[in-house]
Amino acid sequence: MTANESAEKTEDRSLNNHAALKTSIANGDVEEVKARLEGHTLDKLEKGYLIDLARLCGNSEIEEVIKSTPES
């Protein structure tokens, strides 16, 4: 496996995790959101987007979980 292939696989996993995180937020699954964010950081733009998504879904608990996630 080349370095490029490894980077592509890492990016695919990251995109898949982000998609799963958005689905968990939309479904109101607080525990799943916590599990997916545990040990991760979010950049400012991504964090803002996820907070907006939680607000649109009307879930203040998920919003607080996202707000407590460190920024990179």
N, C-alpha and C. Protein backbone atom coordinates (compact mmCIF):
# COMPACT_ATOMS: atom_id res chain seq x y z
N MET A 1 0.85 -1.17 0.00
CA MET A 1 0.00 0.00 0.00
C MET A 1 0.89 1.23 0.00
N THR A 2 0.58 2.15 -0.87
CA THR A 2 1.36 3.39 -0.94
C THR A 2 0.86 4.39 0.09
N ALA A 3 1.65 5.42 0.31
CA ALA A 3 1.25 6.47 1.25
C ALA A 3 -0.02 7.16 0.78
N ASN A 4 -0.16 7.32 -0.53
CA ASN A 4 -1.34 7.96 -1.09
C ASN A 4 -2.59 7.13 -0.82
N GLU A 5 -2.48 5.81 -0.99
CA GLU A 5 -3.61 4.93 -0.72
C GLU A 5 -4.00 4.97 0.75
N SER A 6 -3.00 5.02 1.62
CA SER A 6 -3.26 5.10 3.05
C SER A 6 -3.98 6.40 3.40
N ALA A 7 -3.55 7.50 2.82
CA ALA A 7 -4.18 8.80 3.07
C ALA A 7 -5.63 8.80 2.57
N GLU A 8 -5.87 8.17 1.42
CA GLU A 8 -7.22 8.09 0.88
C GLU A 8 -8.13 7.28 1.80
N LYS A 9 -7.62 6.18 2.34
CA LYS A 9 -8.42 5.36 3.26
C LYS A 9 -8.73 6.12 4.54
N THR A 10 -7.76 6.87 5.06
CA THR A 10 -7.98 7.68 6.25
C THR A 10 -9.04 8.74 5.98
N GLU A 11 -8.97 9.38 4.81
CA GLU A 11 -9.95 10.39 4.45
C GLU A 11 -11.33 9.77 4.30
N ASP A 12 -11.42 8.58 3.70
CA ASP A 12 -12.70 7.89 3.55
C ASP A 12 -13.31 7.61 4.92
N ARG A 13 -12.49 7.12 5.87
CA ARG A 13 -13.00 6.85 7.21
C ARG A 13 -13.48 8.13 7.87
N SER A 14 -12.75 9.21 7.68
CA SER A 14 -13.12 10.49 8.26
C SER A 14 -14.45 10.97 7.69
N LEU A 15 -14.62 10.86 6.39
CA LEU A 15 -15.87 11.27 5.75
C LEU A 15 -17.03 10.39 6.20
N ASN A 16 -16.77 9.11 6.31
CA ASN A 16 -17.81 8.18 6.78
C ASN A 16 -18.20 8.50 8.21
N ASN A 17 -17.22 8.80 9.06
CA ASN A 17 -17.52 9.14 10.45
C ASN A 17 -18.33 10.43 10.52
N HIS A 18 -17.98 11.41 9.70
CA HIS A 18 -18.71 12.68 9.68
C HIS A 18 -20.16 12.45 9.24
N ALA A 19 -20.36 11.65 8.23
CA ALA A 19 -21.72 11.35 7.76
C ALA A 19 -22.51 10.63 8.85
N ALA A 20 -21.88 9.68 9.52
CA ALA A 20 -22.56 8.96 10.60
C ALA A 20 -22.87 9.89 11.76
N LEU A 21 -21.98 10.83 12.04
CA LEU A 21 -22.21 11.80 13.11
C LEU A 21 -23.43 12.67 12.78
N LYS A 22 -23.51 13.15 11.54
CA LYS A 22 -24.66 13.96 11.14
C LYS A 22 -25.95 13.16 11.26
N THR A 23 -25.93 11.90 10.89
CA THR A 23 -27.11 11.05 11.01
C THR A 23 -27.51 10.88 12.46
N SER A 24 -26.53 10.68 13.33
CA SER A 24 -26.80 10.52 14.76
C SER A 24 -27.42 11.79 15.34
N ILE A 25 -26.94 12.94 14.91
CA ILE A 25 -27.51 14.22 15.36
C ILE A 25 -28.96 14.33 14.89
N ALA A 26 -29.19 14.04 13.62
CA ALA A 26 -30.54 14.12 13.06
C ALA A 26 -31.50 13.15 13.75
N ASN A 27 -31.00 12.00 14.16
CA ASN A 27 -31.82 10.99 14.84
C ASN A 27 -31.99 11.28 16.33
N GLY A 28 -31.25 12.26 16.85
CA GLY A 28 -31.35 12.60 18.26
C GLY A 28 -30.69 11.60 19.18
N ASP A 29 -29.72 10.86 18.68
CA ASP A 29 -29.04 9.82 19.45
C ASP A 29 -27.84 10.42 20.20
N VAL A 30 -28.09 10.89 21.41
CA VAL A 30 -27.08 11.58 22.21
C VAL A 30 -25.88 10.69 22.48
N GLU A 31 -26.12 9.45 22.87
CA GLU A 31 -25.02 8.53 23.20
C GLU A 31 -24.13 8.23 22.00
N GLU A 32 -24.74 8.11 20.85
CA GLU A 32 -23.96 7.86 19.62
C GLU A 32 -23.11 9.09 19.27
N VAL A 33 -23.68 10.27 19.44
CA VAL A 33 -22.93 11.51 19.17
C VAL A 33 -21.73 11.59 20.12
N LYS A 34 -21.97 11.32 21.40
CA LYS A 34 -20.88 11.33 22.39
C LYS A 34 -19.79 10.34 21.99
N ALA A 35 -20.18 9.14 21.59
CA ALA A 35 -19.21 8.10 21.23
C ALA A 35 -18.40 8.51 20.00
N ARG A 36 -19.05 9.12 19.02
CA ARG A 36 -18.35 9.51 17.79
C ARG A 36 -17.42 10.69 17.99
N LEU A 37 -17.72 11.55 18.97
CA LEU A 37 -16.88 12.72 19.22
C LEU A 37 -15.79 12.47 20.26
N GLU A 38 -15.92 11.39 21.00
CA GLU A 38 -14.96 11.11 22.06
C GLU A 38 -13.54 10.99 21.50
N GLY A 39 -12.63 11.78 22.08
CA GLY A 39 -11.24 11.74 21.66
C GLY A 39 -10.94 12.47 20.37
N HIS A 40 -11.91 13.19 19.83
CA HIS A 40 -11.73 13.92 18.58
C HIS A 40 -11.79 15.42 18.81
N THR A 41 -11.25 16.16 17.87
CA THR A 41 -11.41 17.61 17.86
C THR A 41 -12.14 17.99 16.58
N LEU A 42 -12.75 19.17 16.60
CA LEU A 42 -13.46 19.67 15.43
C LEU A 42 -12.86 21.02 15.05
N ASP A 43 -12.76 21.27 13.75
CA ASP A 43 -12.33 22.62 13.38
C ASP A 43 -13.54 23.55 13.55
N LYS A 44 -13.28 24.84 13.61
CA LYS A 44 -14.31 25.83 13.96
C LYS A 44 -15.51 25.77 13.01
N LEU A 45 -15.27 25.67 11.73
CA LEU A 45 -16.35 25.64 10.74
C LEU A 45 -17.21 24.39 10.92
N GLU A 46 -16.56 23.24 11.06
CA GLU A 46 -17.29 21.98 11.23
C GLU A 46 -18.11 22.01 12.52
N LYS A 47 -17.51 22.52 13.59
CA LYS A 47 -18.20 22.59 14.87
C LYS A 47 -19.45 23.47 14.77
N GLY A 48 -19.30 24.62 14.13
CA GLY A 48 -20.45 25.51 13.94
C GLY A 48 -21.56 24.86 13.14
N TYR A 49 -21.18 24.13 12.11
CA TYR A 49 -22.17 23.43 11.27
C TYR A 49 -22.93 22.40 12.10
N LEU A 50 -22.21 21.61 12.89
CA LEU A 50 -22.85 20.57 13.69
C LEU A 50 -23.74 21.17 14.78
N ILE A 51 -23.33 22.28 15.36
CA ILE A 51 -24.17 22.97 16.35
C ILE A 51 -25.46 23.46 15.69
N ASP A 52 -25.34 24.04 14.49
CA ASP A 52 -26.53 24.48 13.76
C ASP A 52 -27.45 23.31 13.45
N LEU A 53 -26.88 22.19 13.07
CA LEU A 53 -27.68 21.00 12.78
C LEU A 53 -28.42 20.53 14.02
N ALA A 54 -27.74 20.52 15.16
CA ALA A 54 -28.40 20.12 16.42
C ALA A 54 -29.53 21.08 16.77
N ARG A 55 -29.30 22.37 16.54
CA ARG A 55 -30.35 23.37 16.80
C ARG A 55 -31.56 23.14 15.89
N LEU A 56 -31.30 22.87 14.62
CA LEU A 56 -32.40 22.62 13.68
C LEU A 56 -33.21 21.39 14.08
N CYS A 57 -32.52 20.42 14.69
CA CYS A 57 -33.20 19.20 15.13
C CYS A 57 -33.86 19.40 16.49
N GLY A 58 -33.59 20.55 17.12
CA GLY A 58 -34.22 20.86 18.40
C GLY A 58 -33.68 20.06 19.56
N ASN A 59 -32.39 19.69 19.50
CA ASN A 59 -31.82 18.88 20.56
C ASN A 59 -30.72 19.65 21.28
N SER A 60 -31.08 20.27 22.39
CA SER A 60 -30.12 21.09 23.13
C SER A 60 -29.05 20.25 23.83
N GLU A 61 -29.39 19.01 24.17
CA GLU A 61 -28.39 18.14 24.81
C GLU A 61 -27.26 17.82 23.84
N ILE A 62 -27.60 17.49 22.61
CA ILE A 62 -26.58 17.22 21.59
C ILE A 62 -25.80 18.50 21.29
N GLU A 63 -26.48 19.62 21.26
CA GLU A 63 -25.82 20.90 21.03
C GLU A 63 -24.74 21.13 22.09
N GLU A 64 -25.04 20.84 23.35
CA GLU A 64 -24.07 21.02 24.43
C GLU A 64 -22.90 20.04 24.30
N VAL A 65 -23.17 18.82 23.87
CA VAL A 65 -22.11 17.84 23.65
C VAL A 65 -21.15 18.35 22.59
N ILE A 66 -21.67 18.88 21.51
CA ILE A 66 -20.83 19.40 20.43
C ILE A 66 -20.04 20.61 20.91
N LYS A 67 -20.71 21.51 21.63
CA LYS A 67 -20.03 22.70 22.14
C LYS A 67 -18.86 22.35 23.06
N SER A 68 -18.99 21.24 23.79
CA SER A 68 -17.93 20.84 24.72
C SER A 68 -16.77 20.11 24.04
N THR A 69 -16.92 19.80 22.76
CA THR A 69 -15.86 19.13 22.02
C THR A 69 -14.76 20.14 21.69
N PRO A 70 -13.50 19.80 21.97
CA PRO A 70 -12.41 20.75 21.71
C PRO A 70 -12.25 21.09 20.23
N GLU A 71 -11.79 22.31 19.97
CA GLU A 71 -11.53 22.75 18.60
C GLU A 71 -10.07 22.50 18.25
N SER A 72 -9.83 22.20 16.99
CA SER A 72 -8.45 21.99 16.53
C SER A 72 -7.95 23.23 15.83
